[in-house]
């Protein structure tokens, strides 16, 4: 890590940038990681956020979608299918908006804390 100024985990996560240099892109596709940073050559192969981003997003989006459905049904007096359509649309939009920054932030946290795969001592 020497030679690189400290990069904010939140800034790297929200920007989808390399957690070491803060410059190179982390993603090659919507959720697919690059093999390495194009700026500092940090290897991203070991970075595995697993299901963590999806779990955090579900915990946030679920209550919001239920609230949208209740507001649509009982405040705007929309029919049940319309309320479900509003809640479904909110779910899809929020999930797509949050999944990528959450994944990038978890990868940056793994780098910051030098997380590795667990090993049994023999």
N, C-alpha and C. Protein backbone atom coordinates (compact mmCIF):
# COMPACT_ATOMS: atom_id res chain seq x y z
N UNK A 1 0.81 -1.19 0.00
CA UNK A 1 0.00 0.00 0.00
C UNK A 1 0.86 1.26 0.00
N UNK A 2 2.12 1.13 0.22
CA UNK A 2 2.99 2.30 0.26
C UNK A 2 3.04 2.95 -1.12
N UNK A 3 3.19 4.26 -1.12
CA UNK A 3 3.27 4.99 -2.37
C UNK A 3 1.93 5.51 -2.86
N UNK A 4 0.86 5.13 -2.21
CA UNK A 4 -0.47 5.59 -2.60
C UNK A 4 -1.09 6.34 -1.44
N UNK A 5 -1.66 7.51 -1.73
CA UNK A 5 -2.34 8.23 -0.65
C UNK A 5 -3.58 7.46 -0.20
N UNK A 6 -3.99 7.60 1.04
CA UNK A 6 -5.17 6.88 1.50
C UNK A 6 -6.42 7.31 0.72
N UNK A 7 -7.21 6.32 0.37
CA UNK A 7 -8.44 6.57 -0.38
C UNK A 7 -9.62 6.29 0.55
N UNK A 8 -10.57 7.18 0.58
CA UNK A 8 -11.77 6.97 1.39
C UNK A 8 -12.54 5.76 0.86
N UNK A 9 -12.90 4.87 1.78
CA UNK A 9 -13.66 3.68 1.39
C UNK A 9 -14.99 4.08 0.77
N UNK A 10 -15.64 5.06 1.36
CA UNK A 10 -16.93 5.51 0.85
C UNK A 10 -16.79 6.16 -0.53
N UNK A 11 -15.75 6.96 -0.71
CA UNK A 11 -15.54 7.61 -2.01
C UNK A 11 -15.24 6.59 -3.09
N UNK A 12 -14.40 5.60 -2.76
CA UNK A 12 -14.09 4.55 -3.74
C UNK A 12 -15.34 3.74 -4.06
N UNK A 13 -16.15 3.45 -3.04
CA UNK A 13 -17.36 2.67 -3.25
C UNK A 13 -18.40 3.40 -4.07
N UNK A 14 -18.67 4.63 -3.72
CA UNK A 14 -19.69 5.39 -4.45
C UNK A 14 -19.26 5.70 -5.88
N UNK A 15 -17.95 5.87 -6.07
CA UNK A 15 -17.45 6.17 -7.40
C UNK A 15 -17.15 4.94 -8.24
N UNK A 16 -17.16 3.77 -7.62
CA UNK A 16 -16.82 2.55 -8.35
C UNK A 16 -15.38 2.54 -8.80
N UNK A 17 -14.50 3.06 -7.96
CA UNK A 17 -13.07 3.19 -8.30
C UNK A 17 -12.23 2.20 -7.51
N UNK A 18 -10.99 2.07 -7.90
CA UNK A 18 -10.03 1.19 -7.24
C UNK A 18 -9.86 1.61 -5.78
N UNK A 19 -9.89 0.66 -4.84
CA UNK A 19 -9.75 1.04 -3.44
C UNK A 19 -8.33 1.43 -3.04
N UNK A 20 -7.33 1.12 -3.86
CA UNK A 20 -5.95 1.49 -3.52
C UNK A 20 -5.59 2.87 -4.03
N UNK A 21 -5.83 3.13 -5.33
CA UNK A 21 -5.42 4.42 -5.90
C UNK A 21 -6.57 5.40 -6.06
N UNK A 22 -7.81 4.90 -6.09
CA UNK A 22 -8.97 5.77 -6.24
C UNK A 22 -9.16 6.30 -7.64
N UNK A 23 -8.42 5.78 -8.62
CA UNK A 23 -8.48 6.30 -9.99
C UNK A 23 -9.10 5.32 -10.98
N UNK A 24 -8.60 4.10 -11.03
CA UNK A 24 -9.03 3.14 -12.03
C UNK A 24 -10.43 2.61 -11.77
N UNK A 25 -11.14 2.25 -12.83
CA UNK A 25 -12.50 1.73 -12.65
C UNK A 25 -12.48 0.33 -12.03
N UNK A 26 -13.42 0.06 -11.15
CA UNK A 26 -13.53 -1.23 -10.49
C UNK A 26 -14.32 -2.21 -11.35
N UNK A 27 -15.30 -1.71 -12.09
CA UNK A 27 -16.22 -2.58 -12.82
C UNK A 27 -15.91 -2.60 -14.32
N UNK A 28 -16.09 -3.80 -14.93
CA UNK A 28 -16.00 -3.92 -16.39
C UNK A 28 -17.39 -3.99 -16.99
N UNK A 29 -18.37 -4.42 -16.20
CA UNK A 29 -19.77 -4.45 -16.63
C UNK A 29 -20.60 -3.97 -15.45
N UNK A 30 -21.93 -4.16 -15.51
CA UNK A 30 -22.77 -3.60 -14.45
C UNK A 30 -22.34 -4.08 -13.07
N UNK A 31 -22.12 -5.39 -12.88
CA UNK A 31 -21.67 -5.90 -11.59
C UNK A 31 -20.39 -6.73 -11.69
N UNK A 32 -19.82 -6.87 -12.89
CA UNK A 32 -18.60 -7.64 -13.07
C UNK A 32 -17.36 -6.80 -12.80
N UNK A 33 -16.46 -7.34 -11.98
CA UNK A 33 -15.24 -6.62 -11.64
C UNK A 33 -14.18 -6.80 -12.72
N UNK A 34 -13.36 -5.78 -12.91
CA UNK A 34 -12.18 -5.91 -13.75
C UNK A 34 -11.22 -6.89 -13.10
N UNK A 35 -10.31 -7.44 -13.88
CA UNK A 35 -9.32 -8.35 -13.31
C UNK A 35 -8.29 -7.59 -12.49
N UNK A 36 -7.96 -6.36 -12.93
CA UNK A 36 -7.00 -5.54 -12.17
C UNK A 36 -7.24 -4.08 -12.50
N UNK A 37 -6.71 -3.22 -11.66
CA UNK A 37 -6.85 -1.78 -11.85
C UNK A 37 -5.99 -1.34 -13.03
N UNK A 38 -6.55 -0.54 -13.90
CA UNK A 38 -5.81 -0.05 -15.07
C UNK A 38 -4.79 1.02 -14.69
N UNK A 39 -4.88 1.58 -13.50
CA UNK A 39 -3.95 2.63 -13.07
C UNK A 39 -2.81 2.08 -12.22
N UNK A 40 -3.14 1.30 -11.16
CA UNK A 40 -2.11 0.84 -10.22
C UNK A 40 -1.87 -0.66 -10.28
N UNK A 41 -2.59 -1.38 -11.14
CA UNK A 41 -2.44 -2.83 -11.35
C UNK A 41 -2.80 -3.66 -10.12
N UNK A 42 -3.64 -3.15 -9.23
CA UNK A 42 -4.12 -3.94 -8.09
C UNK A 42 -4.98 -5.08 -8.62
N UNK A 43 -4.72 -6.29 -8.16
CA UNK A 43 -5.44 -7.48 -8.61
C UNK A 43 -6.78 -7.56 -7.89
N UNK A 44 -7.88 -7.57 -8.66
CA UNK A 44 -9.22 -7.64 -8.08
C UNK A 44 -9.75 -9.07 -8.02
N UNK A 45 -8.97 -10.05 -8.46
CA UNK A 45 -9.46 -11.42 -8.49
C UNK A 45 -9.81 -11.95 -7.11
N UNK A 46 -9.09 -11.52 -6.10
CA UNK A 46 -9.35 -12.01 -4.74
C UNK A 46 -10.56 -11.32 -4.10
N UNK A 47 -11.00 -10.22 -4.68
CA UNK A 47 -12.14 -9.48 -4.12
C UNK A 47 -13.43 -10.22 -4.41
N UNK A 48 -14.08 -10.66 -3.36
CA UNK A 48 -15.35 -11.37 -3.52
C UNK A 48 -16.31 -10.87 -2.46
N UNK A 49 -17.28 -10.07 -2.87
CA UNK A 49 -18.23 -9.54 -1.91
C UNK A 49 -19.36 -10.51 -1.63
N UNK A 50 -19.45 -11.58 -2.42
CA UNK A 50 -20.47 -12.61 -2.19
C UNK A 50 -21.88 -12.04 -2.29
N UNK A 51 -22.73 -12.47 -1.37
CA UNK A 51 -24.13 -12.03 -1.35
C UNK A 51 -24.34 -10.80 -0.47
N UNK A 52 -23.28 -10.29 0.11
CA UNK A 52 -23.39 -9.15 1.02
C UNK A 52 -24.13 -7.95 0.46
N UNK A 53 -23.75 -7.48 -0.75
CA UNK A 53 -24.45 -6.31 -1.29
C UNK A 53 -25.94 -6.55 -1.48
N UNK A 54 -26.31 -7.74 -1.95
CA UNK A 54 -27.73 -8.04 -2.18
C UNK A 54 -28.50 -8.05 -0.87
N UNK A 55 -27.89 -8.58 0.19
CA UNK A 55 -28.57 -8.62 1.48
C UNK A 55 -28.81 -7.22 2.01
N UNK A 56 -27.78 -6.38 1.98
CA UNK A 56 -27.94 -5.01 2.47
C UNK A 56 -28.97 -4.24 1.65
N UNK A 57 -28.95 -4.44 0.34
CA UNK A 57 -29.92 -3.74 -0.51
C UNK A 57 -31.34 -4.23 -0.21
N UNK A 58 -31.50 -5.53 -0.01
CA UNK A 58 -32.84 -6.05 0.32
C UNK A 58 -33.36 -5.48 1.63
N UNK A 59 -32.47 -5.37 2.63
CA UNK A 59 -32.89 -4.82 3.91
C UNK A 59 -33.31 -3.36 3.80
N UNK A 60 -32.75 -2.63 2.86
CA UNK A 60 -33.13 -1.24 2.67
C UNK A 60 -34.34 -1.08 1.76
N UNK A 61 -34.34 -1.81 0.65
CA UNK A 61 -35.38 -1.62 -0.37
C UNK A 61 -36.71 -2.24 0.05
N UNK A 62 -36.68 -3.35 0.75
CA UNK A 62 -37.92 -4.02 1.16
C UNK A 62 -38.87 -3.11 1.93
N UNK A 63 -38.43 -2.51 3.04
CA UNK A 63 -39.33 -1.62 3.78
C UNK A 63 -39.77 -0.40 2.96
N UNK A 64 -38.90 0.10 2.10
CA UNK A 64 -39.28 1.25 1.28
C UNK A 64 -40.38 0.85 0.30
N UNK A 65 -40.26 -0.34 -0.30
CA UNK A 65 -41.28 -0.80 -1.25
C UNK A 65 -42.61 -1.02 -0.56
N UNK A 66 -42.58 -1.56 0.65
CA UNK A 66 -43.83 -1.75 1.41
C UNK A 66 -44.45 -0.39 1.73
N UNK A 67 -43.63 0.57 2.12
CA UNK A 67 -44.14 1.91 2.41
C UNK A 67 -44.74 2.55 1.17
N UNK A 68 -44.11 2.36 0.02
CA UNK A 68 -44.66 2.91 -1.23
C UNK A 68 -46.01 2.28 -1.53
N UNK A 69 -46.13 0.97 -1.33
CA UNK A 69 -47.40 0.30 -1.57
C UNK A 69 -48.49 0.82 -0.63
N UNK A 70 -48.16 0.99 0.64
CA UNK A 70 -49.14 1.50 1.61
C UNK A 70 -49.54 2.94 1.28
N UNK A 71 -48.59 3.76 0.91
CA UNK A 71 -48.91 5.15 0.57
C UNK A 71 -49.79 5.20 -0.68
N UNK A 72 -49.43 4.40 -1.68
CA UNK A 72 -50.23 4.38 -2.90
C UNK A 72 -51.66 3.91 -2.61
N UNK A 73 -51.79 2.91 -1.77
CA UNK A 73 -53.11 2.33 -1.51
C UNK A 73 -53.95 3.19 -0.56
N UNK A 74 -53.37 3.68 0.53
CA UNK A 74 -54.17 4.31 1.57
C UNK A 74 -54.08 5.83 1.62
N UNK A 75 -53.14 6.42 0.91
CA UNK A 75 -53.06 7.88 0.85
C UNK A 75 -53.59 8.37 -0.50
N UNK A 76 -53.15 7.72 -1.57
CA UNK A 76 -53.61 8.11 -2.90
C UNK A 76 -54.84 7.33 -3.34
N UNK A 77 -55.26 6.35 -2.55
CA UNK A 77 -56.44 5.51 -2.83
C UNK A 77 -56.35 4.82 -4.19
N UNK A 78 -55.15 4.36 -4.53
CA UNK A 78 -54.95 3.61 -5.77
C UNK A 78 -55.48 2.19 -5.59
N UNK A 79 -55.85 1.56 -6.68
CA UNK A 79 -56.29 0.17 -6.60
C UNK A 79 -55.10 -0.72 -6.20
N UNK A 80 -55.39 -1.94 -5.78
CA UNK A 80 -54.33 -2.84 -5.33
C UNK A 80 -53.32 -3.13 -6.46
N UNK A 81 -53.76 -3.42 -7.68
CA UNK A 81 -52.76 -3.65 -8.73
C UNK A 81 -51.88 -2.42 -9.00
N UNK A 82 -52.45 -1.25 -8.92
CA UNK A 82 -51.67 -0.03 -9.14
C UNK A 82 -50.67 0.17 -8.00
N UNK A 83 -51.11 -0.09 -6.76
CA UNK A 83 -50.20 0.03 -5.61
C UNK A 83 -49.05 -0.96 -5.75
N UNK A 84 -49.35 -2.19 -6.17
CA UNK A 84 -48.29 -3.18 -6.39
C UNK A 84 -47.36 -2.76 -7.53
N UNK A 85 -47.91 -2.14 -8.54
CA UNK A 85 -47.07 -1.68 -9.66
C UNK A 85 -46.11 -0.58 -9.19
N UNK A 86 -46.61 0.35 -8.37
CA UNK A 86 -45.73 1.38 -7.82
C UNK A 86 -44.63 0.77 -6.96
N UNK A 87 -45.02 -0.18 -6.10
CA UNK A 87 -44.04 -0.82 -5.22
C UNK A 87 -43.04 -1.63 -6.03
N UNK A 88 -43.50 -2.33 -7.05
CA UNK A 88 -42.59 -3.10 -7.90
C UNK A 88 -41.62 -2.21 -8.65
N UNK A 89 -42.13 -1.11 -9.18
CA UNK A 89 -41.25 -0.17 -9.88
C UNK A 89 -40.21 0.44 -8.95
N UNK A 90 -40.64 0.80 -7.74
CA UNK A 90 -39.69 1.34 -6.76
C UNK A 90 -38.64 0.31 -6.40
N UNK A 91 -39.07 -0.95 -6.27
CA UNK A 91 -38.13 -2.03 -5.93
C UNK A 91 -37.07 -2.20 -7.01
N UNK A 92 -37.49 -2.26 -8.25
CA UNK A 92 -36.54 -2.46 -9.35
C UNK A 92 -35.59 -1.27 -9.46
N UNK A 93 -36.11 -0.06 -9.42
CA UNK A 93 -35.27 1.13 -9.58
C UNK A 93 -34.27 1.28 -8.43
N UNK A 94 -34.74 1.11 -7.20
CA UNK A 94 -33.83 1.24 -6.07
C UNK A 94 -32.78 0.14 -6.04
N UNK A 95 -33.18 -1.08 -6.39
CA UNK A 95 -32.21 -2.18 -6.41
C UNK A 95 -31.13 -1.92 -7.44
N UNK A 96 -31.51 -1.53 -8.62
CA UNK A 96 -30.51 -1.25 -9.66
C UNK A 96 -29.62 -0.07 -9.29
N UNK A 97 -30.19 0.91 -8.60
CA UNK A 97 -29.41 2.09 -8.23
C UNK A 97 -28.43 1.80 -7.09
N UNK A 98 -28.78 0.89 -6.18
CA UNK A 98 -27.97 0.67 -4.99
C UNK A 98 -26.99 -0.50 -5.06
N UNK A 99 -27.26 -1.47 -5.90
CA UNK A 99 -26.46 -2.69 -5.90
C UNK A 99 -25.00 -2.44 -6.25
N UNK A 100 -24.75 -1.67 -7.25
CA UNK A 100 -23.36 -1.40 -7.69
C UNK A 100 -22.56 -0.63 -6.64
N UNK A 101 -23.06 0.48 -6.06
CA UNK A 101 -22.27 1.16 -5.03
C UNK A 101 -22.05 0.32 -3.78
N UNK A 102 -23.04 -0.51 -3.41
CA UNK A 102 -22.86 -1.37 -2.25
C UNK A 102 -21.78 -2.41 -2.50
N UNK A 103 -21.76 -2.98 -3.70
CA UNK A 103 -20.73 -3.97 -4.03
C UNK A 103 -19.35 -3.32 -4.03
N UNK A 104 -19.23 -2.16 -4.62
CA UNK A 104 -17.94 -1.46 -4.65
C UNK A 104 -17.47 -1.09 -3.25
N UNK A 105 -18.39 -0.67 -2.40
CA UNK A 105 -18.03 -0.32 -1.03
C UNK A 105 -17.56 -1.54 -0.25
N UNK A 106 -18.23 -2.68 -0.42
CA UNK A 106 -17.79 -3.89 0.27
C UNK A 106 -16.43 -4.37 -0.23
N UNK A 107 -16.16 -4.24 -1.52
CA UNK A 107 -14.84 -4.59 -2.04
C UNK A 107 -13.79 -3.65 -1.46
N UNK A 108 -14.09 -2.36 -1.37
CA UNK A 108 -13.15 -1.40 -0.79
C UNK A 108 -12.91 -1.69 0.69
N UNK A 109 -13.95 -2.10 1.42
CA UNK A 109 -13.77 -2.47 2.83
C UNK A 109 -12.91 -3.72 2.97
N UNK A 110 -13.07 -4.68 2.06
CA UNK A 110 -12.22 -5.87 2.09
C UNK A 110 -10.75 -5.47 1.90
N UNK A 111 -10.50 -4.57 0.97
CA UNK A 111 -9.12 -4.13 0.73
C UNK A 111 -8.57 -3.39 1.95
N UNK A 112 -9.36 -2.50 2.51
CA UNK A 112 -8.91 -1.68 3.64
C UNK A 112 -8.55 -2.55 4.84
N UNK A 113 -9.35 -3.57 5.10
CA UNK A 113 -9.14 -4.41 6.28
C UNK A 113 -8.35 -5.68 5.97
N UNK A 114 -7.82 -5.76 4.74
CA UNK A 114 -7.01 -6.91 4.32
C UNK A 114 -7.73 -8.23 4.56
N UNK A 115 -9.00 -8.29 4.18
CA UNK A 115 -9.80 -9.49 4.37
C UNK A 115 -9.31 -10.60 3.46
N UNK A 116 -9.27 -11.81 4.00
CA UNK A 116 -8.87 -12.98 3.23
C UNK A 116 -9.85 -14.11 3.49
N UNK A 117 -9.74 -15.13 2.67
CA UNK A 117 -10.55 -16.31 2.89
C UNK A 117 -10.09 -17.00 4.16
N UNK A 118 -11.03 -17.49 4.96
CA UNK A 118 -10.69 -18.16 6.21
C UNK A 118 -9.94 -19.47 5.97
N UNK A 119 -8.99 -19.75 6.83
CA UNK A 119 -8.21 -20.98 6.73
C UNK A 119 -8.15 -21.65 8.09
N UNK A 120 -8.20 -22.95 8.09
CA UNK A 120 -8.06 -23.71 9.33
C UNK A 120 -6.58 -23.89 9.65
N UNK A 121 -6.25 -23.71 10.89
CA UNK A 121 -4.86 -23.94 11.31
C UNK A 121 -4.67 -25.40 11.63
N UNK A 122 -3.57 -25.95 11.18
CA UNK A 122 -3.30 -27.36 11.45
C UNK A 122 -2.15 -27.52 12.39
